[in-house]
Amino acid sequence: MTMKWVEVGSIGDIPLRGARCVNTPEGKIAVFRTAEGQVFAIEDRCPHKDGPLSQGIVHGTAVTCPLHNWVISLETGKALGADEGAVRTMPARVEGERLFIALGAAVEKAA
C-alpha cells in the first residue's frame, strides 16, 4: 500500500497534552500533541477493551485509556508495564500550522 499524506486540520486544533479524533478510510485515528508539542497518530481504540484513547490522559509520550487505565506508548502503539497488546501507529507531521497523517503507512499492526 502506498503512503498518502492527508491533511487533518491545524496544529492549533489540538491543545498541548490533548487529542483529536479523525475518521479515515482506515478507521478512527487519534492525533495527540504532547506537552512538548510532539505529534503522534495512533488507532483510537485501546487493545484491552476498545476504549477511546483520544479521551485519555496524555503524559510524556504515552496516553492512559479512560476505561481501565492501560498505558499506551504514542511512539510504538504498544501497551506499557505488565499489560500486553498494541494498536497501529502512523506517521504524523506539521507543516506551518497544517497537520498531516500518513494513511496506508501503518508502522505497527495490532497484536
N, C-alpha and C. Protein backbone atom coordinates (compact mmCIF):
# COMPACT_ATOMS: atom_id res chain seq x y z
N MET A 1 0.85 -1.18 0.00
CA MET A 1 0.00 0.00 0.00
C MET A 1 0.90 1.25 0.00
N THR A 2 0.55 2.23 -0.80
CA THR A 2 1.33 3.45 -0.91
C THR A 2 0.91 4.44 0.17
N MET A 3 1.90 5.10 0.75
CA MET A 3 1.63 6.09 1.79
C MET A 3 1.07 7.36 1.15
N LYS A 4 0.00 7.88 1.76
CA LYS A 4 -0.62 9.12 1.27
C LYS A 4 -0.80 10.06 2.46
N TRP A 5 -0.20 11.25 2.37
CA TRP A 5 -0.34 12.25 3.43
C TRP A 5 -1.69 12.95 3.28
N VAL A 6 -2.45 13.01 4.37
CA VAL A 6 -3.78 13.60 4.38
C VAL A 6 -3.82 14.69 5.44
N GLU A 7 -4.27 15.88 5.03
CA GLU A 7 -4.40 16.97 5.99
C GLU A 7 -5.61 16.71 6.88
N VAL A 8 -5.40 16.82 8.21
CA VAL A 8 -6.48 16.53 9.16
C VAL A 8 -6.82 17.73 10.04
N GLY A 9 -6.29 18.90 9.71
CA GLY A 9 -6.62 20.09 10.46
C GLY A 9 -5.40 20.93 10.75
N SER A 10 -5.55 21.76 11.77
CA SER A 10 -4.49 22.67 12.19
C SER A 10 -3.91 22.19 13.51
N ILE A 11 -2.62 22.43 13.71
CA ILE A 11 -1.99 22.05 14.97
C ILE A 11 -2.68 22.77 16.13
N GLY A 12 -3.23 23.95 15.88
CA GLY A 12 -3.94 24.69 16.91
C GLY A 12 -5.24 24.03 17.34
N ASP A 13 -5.73 23.05 16.55
CA ASP A 13 -6.95 22.32 16.91
C ASP A 13 -6.73 21.37 18.08
N ILE A 14 -5.46 21.05 18.37
CA ILE A 14 -5.14 20.09 19.42
C ILE A 14 -4.38 20.80 20.52
N PRO A 15 -4.95 20.87 21.72
CA PRO A 15 -4.24 21.53 22.82
C PRO A 15 -3.04 20.69 23.26
N LEU A 16 -2.08 21.33 23.91
CA LEU A 16 -0.98 20.58 24.49
C LEU A 16 -1.56 19.55 25.46
N ARG A 17 -1.00 18.33 25.45
CA ARG A 17 -1.48 17.20 26.25
C ARG A 17 -2.92 16.85 25.91
N GLY A 18 -3.29 17.02 24.63
CA GLY A 18 -4.64 16.71 24.20
C GLY A 18 -4.65 15.86 22.95
N ALA A 19 -5.85 15.61 22.45
CA ALA A 19 -6.00 14.77 21.26
C ALA A 19 -7.21 15.21 20.45
N ARG A 20 -7.22 14.76 19.23
CA ARG A 20 -8.34 14.98 18.32
C ARG A 20 -8.56 13.67 17.58
N CYS A 21 -9.80 13.27 17.44
CA CYS A 21 -10.13 12.04 16.72
C CYS A 21 -10.57 12.39 15.31
N VAL A 22 -10.02 11.69 14.32
CA VAL A 22 -10.41 11.92 12.94
C VAL A 22 -10.86 10.59 12.31
N ASN A 23 -11.91 10.67 11.52
CA ASN A 23 -12.39 9.49 10.80
C ASN A 23 -11.65 9.40 9.47
N THR A 24 -11.12 8.21 9.18
CA THR A 24 -10.39 7.99 7.93
C THR A 24 -10.88 6.69 7.31
N PRO A 25 -10.52 6.42 6.06
CA PRO A 25 -10.87 5.13 5.45
C PRO A 25 -10.25 3.95 6.22
N GLU A 26 -9.23 4.22 7.04
CA GLU A 26 -8.59 3.17 7.83
C GLU A 26 -9.15 3.09 9.24
N GLY A 27 -10.24 3.80 9.52
CA GLY A 27 -10.85 3.80 10.85
C GLY A 27 -10.58 5.09 11.59
N LYS A 28 -11.00 5.11 12.85
CA LYS A 28 -10.80 6.30 13.69
C LYS A 28 -9.34 6.37 14.12
N ILE A 29 -8.75 7.54 13.90
CA ILE A 29 -7.36 7.78 14.26
C ILE A 29 -7.32 8.91 15.30
N ALA A 30 -6.61 8.68 16.38
CA ALA A 30 -6.42 9.70 17.40
C ALA A 30 -5.09 10.40 17.14
N VAL A 31 -5.13 11.72 17.04
CA VAL A 31 -3.92 12.50 16.83
C VAL A 31 -3.64 13.24 18.13
N PHE A 32 -2.48 12.98 18.71
CA PHE A 32 -2.11 13.51 20.02
C PHE A 32 -1.03 14.58 19.90
N ARG A 33 -1.04 15.49 20.87
CA ARG A 33 0.00 16.51 20.99
C ARG A 33 0.50 16.48 22.43
N THR A 34 1.79 16.26 22.58
CA THR A 34 2.36 16.17 23.93
C THR A 34 2.59 17.56 24.50
N ALA A 35 2.97 17.60 25.78
CA ALA A 35 3.27 18.88 26.43
C ALA A 35 4.42 19.60 25.75
N GLU A 36 5.32 18.83 25.11
CA GLU A 36 6.46 19.40 24.40
C GLU A 36 6.13 19.75 22.95
N GLY A 37 4.88 19.49 22.52
CA GLY A 37 4.46 19.82 21.17
C GLY A 37 4.69 18.74 20.13
N GLN A 38 5.16 17.55 20.55
CA GLN A 38 5.31 16.45 19.60
C GLN A 38 3.93 15.96 19.17
N VAL A 39 3.82 15.47 17.94
CA VAL A 39 2.55 15.00 17.41
C VAL A 39 2.67 13.51 17.06
N PHE A 40 1.66 12.74 17.48
CA PHE A 40 1.61 11.30 17.21
C PHE A 40 0.22 10.92 16.73
N ALA A 41 0.13 9.90 15.90
CA ALA A 41 -1.16 9.40 15.42
C ALA A 41 -1.22 7.88 15.64
N ILE A 42 -2.29 7.43 16.31
CA ILE A 42 -2.49 6.00 16.56
C ILE A 42 -3.98 5.68 16.43
N GLU A 43 -4.28 4.40 16.31
CA GLU A 43 -5.68 3.97 16.30
C GLU A 43 -6.37 4.47 17.56
N ASP A 44 -7.63 4.88 17.43
CA ASP A 44 -8.37 5.41 18.57
C ASP A 44 -9.12 4.29 19.30
N ARG A 45 -8.38 3.24 19.68
CA ARG A 45 -9.01 2.15 20.43
C ARG A 45 -7.95 1.45 21.26
N CYS A 46 -8.25 1.28 22.52
CA CYS A 46 -7.34 0.57 23.40
C CYS A 46 -7.35 -0.92 23.05
N PRO A 47 -6.19 -1.58 23.06
CA PRO A 47 -6.16 -3.00 22.73
C PRO A 47 -6.83 -3.87 23.79
N HIS A 48 -7.15 -3.31 24.95
CA HIS A 48 -7.77 -4.07 26.03
C HIS A 48 -9.26 -4.27 25.80
N LYS A 49 -10.02 -3.18 25.81
CA LYS A 49 -11.48 -3.26 25.64
C LYS A 49 -12.00 -2.22 24.66
N ASP A 50 -11.14 -1.80 23.72
CA ASP A 50 -11.52 -0.84 22.68
C ASP A 50 -11.91 0.54 23.21
N GLY A 51 -11.38 0.92 24.36
CA GLY A 51 -11.67 2.25 24.91
C GLY A 51 -11.15 3.35 23.99
N PRO A 52 -11.79 4.53 24.01
CA PRO A 52 -11.39 5.65 23.15
C PRO A 52 -10.13 6.34 23.67
N LEU A 53 -8.99 6.00 23.11
CA LEU A 53 -7.72 6.58 23.57
C LEU A 53 -7.70 8.10 23.43
N SER A 54 -8.42 8.64 22.44
CA SER A 54 -8.45 10.09 22.24
C SER A 54 -9.04 10.82 23.45
N GLN A 55 -9.74 10.10 24.32
CA GLN A 55 -10.33 10.70 25.51
C GLN A 55 -9.48 10.44 26.76
N GLY A 56 -8.30 9.84 26.55
CA GLY A 56 -7.42 9.52 27.67
C GLY A 56 -6.56 10.68 28.10
N ILE A 57 -5.73 10.42 29.10
CA ILE A 57 -4.83 11.42 29.66
C ILE A 57 -3.45 11.25 29.03
N VAL A 58 -2.93 12.34 28.43
CA VAL A 58 -1.62 12.32 27.80
C VAL A 58 -0.57 12.71 28.84
N HIS A 59 0.48 11.88 28.94
CA HIS A 59 1.59 12.17 29.86
C HIS A 59 2.86 11.68 29.20
N GLY A 60 3.82 12.59 29.06
CA GLY A 60 5.04 12.24 28.33
C GLY A 60 4.68 11.86 26.91
N THR A 61 5.16 10.71 26.47
CA THR A 61 4.82 10.20 25.13
C THR A 61 3.93 8.97 25.26
N ALA A 62 2.98 9.04 26.19
CA ALA A 62 2.04 7.94 26.41
C ALA A 62 0.65 8.51 26.68
N VAL A 63 -0.35 7.63 26.57
CA VAL A 63 -1.72 8.01 26.90
C VAL A 63 -2.30 6.91 27.79
N THR A 64 -3.09 7.32 28.78
CA THR A 64 -3.76 6.36 29.65
C THR A 64 -5.21 6.25 29.21
N CYS A 65 -5.64 5.03 28.93
CA CYS A 65 -7.01 4.78 28.48
C CYS A 65 -7.99 5.19 29.57
N PRO A 66 -9.09 5.87 29.20
CA PRO A 66 -10.04 6.33 30.20
C PRO A 66 -10.88 5.20 30.81
N LEU A 67 -10.89 4.02 30.20
CA LEU A 67 -11.74 2.95 30.73
C LEU A 67 -11.09 2.15 31.85
N HIS A 68 -9.90 1.61 31.60
CA HIS A 68 -9.28 0.71 32.58
C HIS A 68 -7.82 1.05 32.88
N ASN A 69 -7.43 2.27 32.55
CA ASN A 69 -6.10 2.79 32.89
C ASN A 69 -4.92 2.08 32.24
N TRP A 70 -5.12 1.42 31.12
CA TRP A 70 -3.97 0.88 30.39
C TRP A 70 -3.18 2.06 29.85
N VAL A 71 -1.86 1.94 29.85
CA VAL A 71 -0.99 3.00 29.34
C VAL A 71 -0.42 2.53 28.01
N ILE A 72 -0.62 3.35 26.96
CA ILE A 72 -0.21 3.02 25.61
C ILE A 72 0.86 4.02 25.15
N SER A 73 1.96 3.50 24.61
CA SER A 73 3.02 4.36 24.07
C SER A 73 2.53 5.02 22.78
N LEU A 74 2.65 6.34 22.71
CA LEU A 74 2.29 7.05 21.48
C LEU A 74 3.33 6.82 20.40
N GLU A 75 4.55 6.47 20.78
CA GLU A 75 5.63 6.23 19.83
C GLU A 75 5.51 4.88 19.14
N THR A 76 5.15 3.84 19.91
CA THR A 76 5.13 2.47 19.35
C THR A 76 3.74 1.87 19.24
N GLY A 77 2.77 2.42 19.96
CA GLY A 77 1.43 1.85 19.98
C GLY A 77 1.29 0.67 20.93
N LYS A 78 2.38 0.31 21.61
CA LYS A 78 2.37 -0.86 22.49
C LYS A 78 1.95 -0.50 23.91
N ALA A 79 1.25 -1.45 24.55
CA ALA A 79 0.89 -1.30 25.95
C ALA A 79 2.16 -1.34 26.79
N LEU A 80 2.21 -0.50 27.82
CA LEU A 80 3.37 -0.42 28.69
C LEU A 80 3.10 -1.15 30.01
N GLY A 81 4.15 -1.44 30.74
CA GLY A 81 4.00 -2.14 32.01
C GLY A 81 3.71 -3.61 31.78
N ALA A 82 2.90 -4.18 32.66
CA ALA A 82 2.60 -5.61 32.59
C ALA A 82 1.56 -5.95 31.53
N ASP A 83 0.87 -4.95 31.00
CA ASP A 83 -0.17 -5.20 30.01
C ASP A 83 0.43 -5.54 28.65
N GLU A 84 -0.30 -6.34 27.86
CA GLU A 84 0.17 -6.73 26.53
C GLU A 84 -0.87 -6.38 25.49
N GLY A 85 -0.40 -5.93 24.33
CA GLY A 85 -1.27 -5.56 23.23
C GLY A 85 -0.70 -4.33 22.54
N ALA A 86 -1.25 -4.01 21.41
CA ALA A 86 -0.76 -2.86 20.65
C ALA A 86 -1.84 -2.37 19.71
N VAL A 87 -1.69 -1.11 19.30
CA VAL A 87 -2.54 -0.51 18.28
C VAL A 87 -1.63 -0.02 17.16
N ARG A 88 -2.21 0.21 16.00
CA ARG A 88 -1.44 0.71 14.86
C ARG A 88 -1.03 2.16 15.11
N THR A 89 0.14 2.49 14.65
CA THR A 89 0.60 3.88 14.65
C THR A 89 0.80 4.30 13.21
N MET A 90 0.76 5.59 12.96
CA MET A 90 1.05 6.10 11.63
C MET A 90 1.82 7.40 11.74
N PRO A 91 2.63 7.70 10.73
CA PRO A 91 3.40 8.95 10.77
C PRO A 91 2.49 10.17 10.81
N ALA A 92 2.94 11.20 11.52
CA ALA A 92 2.25 12.48 11.58
C ALA A 92 3.30 13.57 11.41
N ARG A 93 2.89 14.67 10.80
CA ARG A 93 3.82 15.79 10.63
C ARG A 93 3.05 17.10 10.63
N VAL A 94 3.78 18.17 10.93
CA VAL A 94 3.22 19.51 10.94
C VAL A 94 4.00 20.34 9.93
N GLU A 95 3.27 21.06 9.07
CA GLU A 95 3.88 21.99 8.11
C GLU A 95 3.25 23.35 8.36
N GLY A 96 4.01 24.23 8.96
CA GLY A 96 3.44 25.52 9.36
C GLY A 96 2.42 25.25 10.45
N GLU A 97 1.16 25.56 10.20
CA GLU A 97 0.07 25.27 11.13
C GLU A 97 -0.72 24.04 10.70
N ARG A 98 -0.44 23.50 9.50
CA ARG A 98 -1.22 22.39 8.96
C ARG A 98 -0.73 21.06 9.51
N LEU A 99 -1.67 20.19 9.86
CA LEU A 99 -1.38 18.89 10.46
C LEU A 99 -1.74 17.78 9.47
N PHE A 100 -0.81 16.84 9.28
CA PHE A 100 -1.00 15.74 8.33
C PHE A 100 -0.74 14.40 9.02
N ILE A 101 -1.46 13.36 8.56
CA ILE A 101 -1.13 11.98 8.93
C ILE A 101 -0.97 11.19 7.64
N ALA A 102 -0.19 10.13 7.73
CA ALA A 102 0.06 9.28 6.56
C ALA A 102 -0.84 8.05 6.63
N LEU A 103 -1.72 7.93 5.65
CA LEU A 103 -2.57 6.74 5.57
C LEU A 103 -1.90 5.71 4.68
N GLY A 104 -2.18 4.45 4.93
CA GLY A 104 -1.56 3.40 4.16
C GLY A 104 -0.14 3.13 4.58
N ALA A 105 0.23 3.64 5.77
CA ALA A 105 1.62 3.51 6.21
C ALA A 105 1.68 3.10 7.66
N ALA A 106 0.85 2.16 8.06
CA ALA A 106 0.85 1.73 9.47
C ALA A 106 2.24 1.26 9.85
N VAL A 107 2.74 1.80 10.94
CA VAL A 107 4.07 1.43 11.42
C VAL A 107 3.98 0.14 12.24
N GLU A 108 2.96 0.02 13.07
CA GLU A 108 2.76 -1.17 13.89
C GLU A 108 1.36 -1.70 13.66
N LYS A 109 1.24 -3.00 13.53
CA LYS A 109 -0.08 -3.63 13.43
C LYS A 109 -0.51 -4.06 14.82
N ALA A 110 -1.81 -4.09 15.02
CA ALA A 110 -2.33 -4.55 16.31
C ALA A 110 -1.88 -5.99 16.55
N ALA A 111 -1.55 -6.28 17.78
CA ALA A 111 -1.05 -7.62 18.12
C ALA A 111 -2.18 -8.63 18.14
